[in-house]
C-alpha atoms as a PDB file:
ATOM      1  CA  UNK A   1      56.296  79.788 112.616  1.00  0.00           C
ATOM      2  CA  UNK A   2      57.214  82.495 115.165  1.00  0.00           C
ATOM      3  CA  UNK A   3      60.409  80.631 116.065  1.00  0.00           C
ATOM      4  CA  UNK A   4      61.459  80.640 112.396  1.00  0.00           C
ATOM      5  CA  UNK A   5      60.820  84.349 112.030  1.00  0.00           C
ATOM      6  CA  UNK A   6      62.914  85.211 115.083  1.00  0.00           C
ATOM      7  CA  UNK A   7      66.035  84.304 113.115  1.00  0.00           C
ATOM      8  CA  UNK A   8      65.399  87.408 110.986  1.00  0.00           C
ATOM      9  CA  UNK A   9      66.560  89.503 113.930  1.00  0.00           C
ATOM     10  CA  UNK A  10      69.855  87.595 113.978  1.00  0.00           C
ATOM     11  CA  UNK A  11      71.034  88.939 110.612  1.00  0.00           C
ATOM     12  CA  UNK A  12      73.838  91.487 110.547  1.00  0.00           C
ATOM     13  CA  UNK A  13      72.009  94.794 111.038  1.00  0.00           C
ATOM     14  CA  UNK A  14      74.932  96.781 109.662  1.00  0.00           C
ATOM     15  CA  UNK A  15      74.676  94.996 106.315  1.00  0.00           C
ATOM     16  CA  UNK A  16      70.873  94.702 106.402  1.00  0.00           C
ATOM     17  CA  UNK A  17      70.362  98.479 105.940  1.00  0.00           C
ATOM     18  CA  UNK A  18      69.332  98.841 102.245  1.00  0.00           C
ATOM     19  CA  UNK A  19      72.059 101.262 101.112  1.00  0.00           C
ATOM     20  CA  UNK A  20      74.821  99.283 102.829  1.00  0.00           C
ATOM     21  CA  UNK A  21      73.398  96.023 101.483  1.00  0.00           C
ATOM     22  CA  UNK A  22      73.594  97.497  97.978  1.00  0.00           C
ATOM     23  CA  UNK A  23      77.205  98.595  98.563  1.00  0.00           C
ATOM     24  CA  UNK A  24      78.211  95.194  99.925  1.00  0.00           C
ATOM     25  CA  UNK A  25      76.488  93.387  97.038  1.00  0.00           C
ATOM     26  CA  UNK A  26      78.273  95.561  94.472  1.00  0.00           C
ATOM     27  CA  UNK A  27      81.635  95.005  96.163  1.00  0.00           C
ATOM     28  CA  UNK A  28      81.147  91.252  96.514  1.00  0.00           C
ATOM     29  CA  UNK A  29      81.469  90.713  92.779  1.00  0.00           C
ATOM     30  CA  UNK A  30      84.682  92.671  92.185  1.00  0.00           C
ATOM     31  CA  UNK A  31      88.191  93.067  93.553  1.00  0.00           C
ATOM     32  CA  UNK A  32      87.774  96.825  94.017  1.00  0.00           C
ATOM     33  CA  UNK A  33      85.867  99.826  92.676  1.00  0.00           C
ATOM     34  CA  UNK A  34      86.282 103.552  92.807  1.00  0.00           C
ATOM     35  CA  UNK A  35      84.050 105.976  94.678  1.00  0.00           C
ATOM     36  CA  UNK A  36      82.495 107.370  91.493  1.00  0.00           C
ATOM     37  CA  UNK A  37      81.438 103.897  90.378  1.00  0.00           C
ATOM     38  CA  UNK A  38      79.633 103.311  93.676  1.00  0.00           C
ATOM     39  CA  UNK A  39      78.124 106.771  93.502  1.00  0.00           C
ATOM     40  CA  UNK A  40      76.757 106.073  90.031  1.00  0.00           C
ATOM     41  CA  UNK A  41      75.545 102.528  90.736  1.00  0.00           C
ATOM     42  CA  UNK A  42      73.890 103.211  94.097  1.00  0.00           C
ATOM     43  CA  UNK A  43      72.281 106.540  93.223  1.00  0.00           C
ATOM     44  CA  UNK A  44      73.211 107.853  96.677  1.00  0.00           C
ATOM     45  CA  UNK A  45      74.469 111.371  97.276  1.00  0.00           C
ATOM     46  CA  UNK A  46      78.185 111.862  97.942  1.00  0.00           C
ATOM     47  CA  UNK A  47      77.526 112.611 101.613  1.00  0.00           C
ATOM     48  CA  UNK A  48      75.181 109.664 102.100  1.00  0.00           C
ATOM     49  CA  UNK A  49      77.543 107.248 100.344  1.00  0.00           C
ATOM     50  CA  UNK A  50      80.481 108.551 102.388  1.00  0.00           C
ATOM     51  CA  UNK A  51      78.554 108.069 105.636  1.00  0.00           C
ATOM     52  CA  UNK A  52      77.654 104.474 104.769  1.00  0.00           C
ATOM     53  CA  UNK A  53      81.209 103.714 103.670  1.00  0.00           C
ATOM     54  CA  UNK A  54      82.528 105.127 106.946  1.00  0.00           C
ATOM     55  CA  UNK A  55      80.283 102.764 108.934  1.00  0.00           C
ATOM     56  CA  UNK A  56      81.368  99.769 106.868  1.00  0.00           C
ATOM     57  CA  UNK A  57      85.024 100.772 107.194  1.00  0.00           C
ATOM     58  CA  UNK A  58      84.670 101.197 110.957  1.00  0.00           C
ATOM     59  CA  UNK A  59      83.325  97.634 111.139  1.00  0.00           C
ATOM     60  CA  UNK A  60      86.345  96.481 109.094  1.00  0.00           C
ATOM     61  CA  UNK A  61      84.040  95.249 106.321  1.00  0.00           C
ATOM     62  CA  UNK A  62      85.633  97.442 103.652  1.00  0.00           C
ATOM     63  CA  UNK A  63      88.997  99.021 102.931  1.00  0.00           C
ATOM     64  CA  UNK A  64      89.163 102.557 101.594  1.00  0.00           C
ATOM     65  CA  UNK A  65      92.375 103.609  99.897  1.00  0.00           C
ATOM     66  CA  UNK A  66      93.003 107.087  98.577  1.00  0.00           C
ATOM     67  CA  UNK A  67      95.511 107.136  95.719  1.00  0.00           C
ATOM     68  CA  UNK A  68      96.494 109.498  92.947  1.00  0.00           C
ATOM     69  CA  UNK A  69      96.373 108.823  89.226  1.00  0.00           C
ATOM     70  CA  UNK A  70      98.867 111.420  88.153  1.00  0.00           C
ATOM     71  CA  UNK A  71      97.513 114.499  89.883  1.00  0.00           C
ATOM     72  CA  UNK A  72      93.937 113.259  90.103  1.00  0.00           C
ATOM     73  CA  UNK A  73      92.786 111.808  93.445  1.00  0.00           C
ATOM     74  CA  UNK A  74      91.067 108.434  93.288  1.00  0.00           C
ATOM     75  CA  UNK A  75      89.320 106.643  96.147  1.00  0.00           C
ATOM     76  CA  UNK A  76      89.376 102.845  95.863  1.00  0.00           C
ATOM     77  CA  UNK A  77      87.021 100.655  97.888  1.00  0.00           C
ATOM     78  CA  UNK A  78      87.175  96.890  98.408  1.00  0.00           C
ATOM     79  CA  UNK A  79      85.792  94.265 100.742  1.00  0.00           C
ATOM     80  CA  UNK A  80      88.127  93.052 103.457  1.00  0.00           C
ATOM     81  CA  UNK A  81      88.309  89.311 104.108  1.00  0.00           C
ATOM     82  CA  UNK A  82      86.108  89.789 107.187  1.00  0.00           C
ATOM     83  CA  UNK A  83      83.664  91.879 105.133  1.00  0.00           C
ATOM     84  CA  UNK A  84      83.452  89.191 102.463  1.00  0.00           C
ATOM     85  CA  UNK A  85      82.852  86.573 105.159  1.00  0.00           C
ATOM     86  CA  UNK A  86      80.197  88.731 106.873  1.00  0.00           C
ATOM     87  CA  UNK A  87      78.381  89.236 103.566  1.00  0.00           C
ATOM     88  CA  UNK A  88      78.464  85.510 102.776  1.00  0.00           C
ATOM     89  CA  UNK A  89      77.111  84.760 106.278  1.00  0.00           C
ATOM     90  CA  UNK A  90      74.362  87.340 105.731  1.00  0.00           C
ATOM     91  CA  UNK A  91      73.391  85.761 102.397  1.00  0.00           C
ATOM     92  CA  UNK A  92      73.437  82.286 103.930  1.00  0.00           C
ATOM     93  CA  UNK A  93      71.178  83.432 106.795  1.00  0.00           C
ATOM     94  CA  UNK A  94      68.646  84.978 104.398  1.00  0.00           C
ATOM     95  CA  UNK A  95      68.531  81.812 102.299  1.00  0.00           C
ATOM     96  CA  UNK A  96      67.999  79.745 105.424  1.00  0.00           C
ATOM     97  CA  UNK A  97      65.202  82.020 106.619  1.00  0.00           C
ATOM     98  CA  UNK A  98      63.522  81.910 103.204  1.00  0.00           C
ATOM     99  CA  UNK A  99      63.562  78.126 103.098  1.00  0.00           C
ATOM    100  CA  UNK A 100      62.082  77.763 106.609  1.00  0.00           C
ATOM    101  CA  UNK A 101      59.079  80.005 106.057  1.00  0.00           C
END
């Protein structure tokens, strides 16, 4: 059983953090969202959400685009192809772990 449990440490630690996992899960089902949507859905503070988004962007898991709607700034967030692949790999690993235990 110990051998099976060791695979838990192989999951993507960047995604595995609860707030980032929530962000990635929300983004996996849509083409893109705005910052306020993520703020509302995650319940994180603006600073905390921004910090997690910065880490995901640095890993090239998400794309952050700042645009204007008229004169109103709007921050759009989406998964990159590598972020979508990383999240699918993460999900696949968790399913595999769950079936082996």
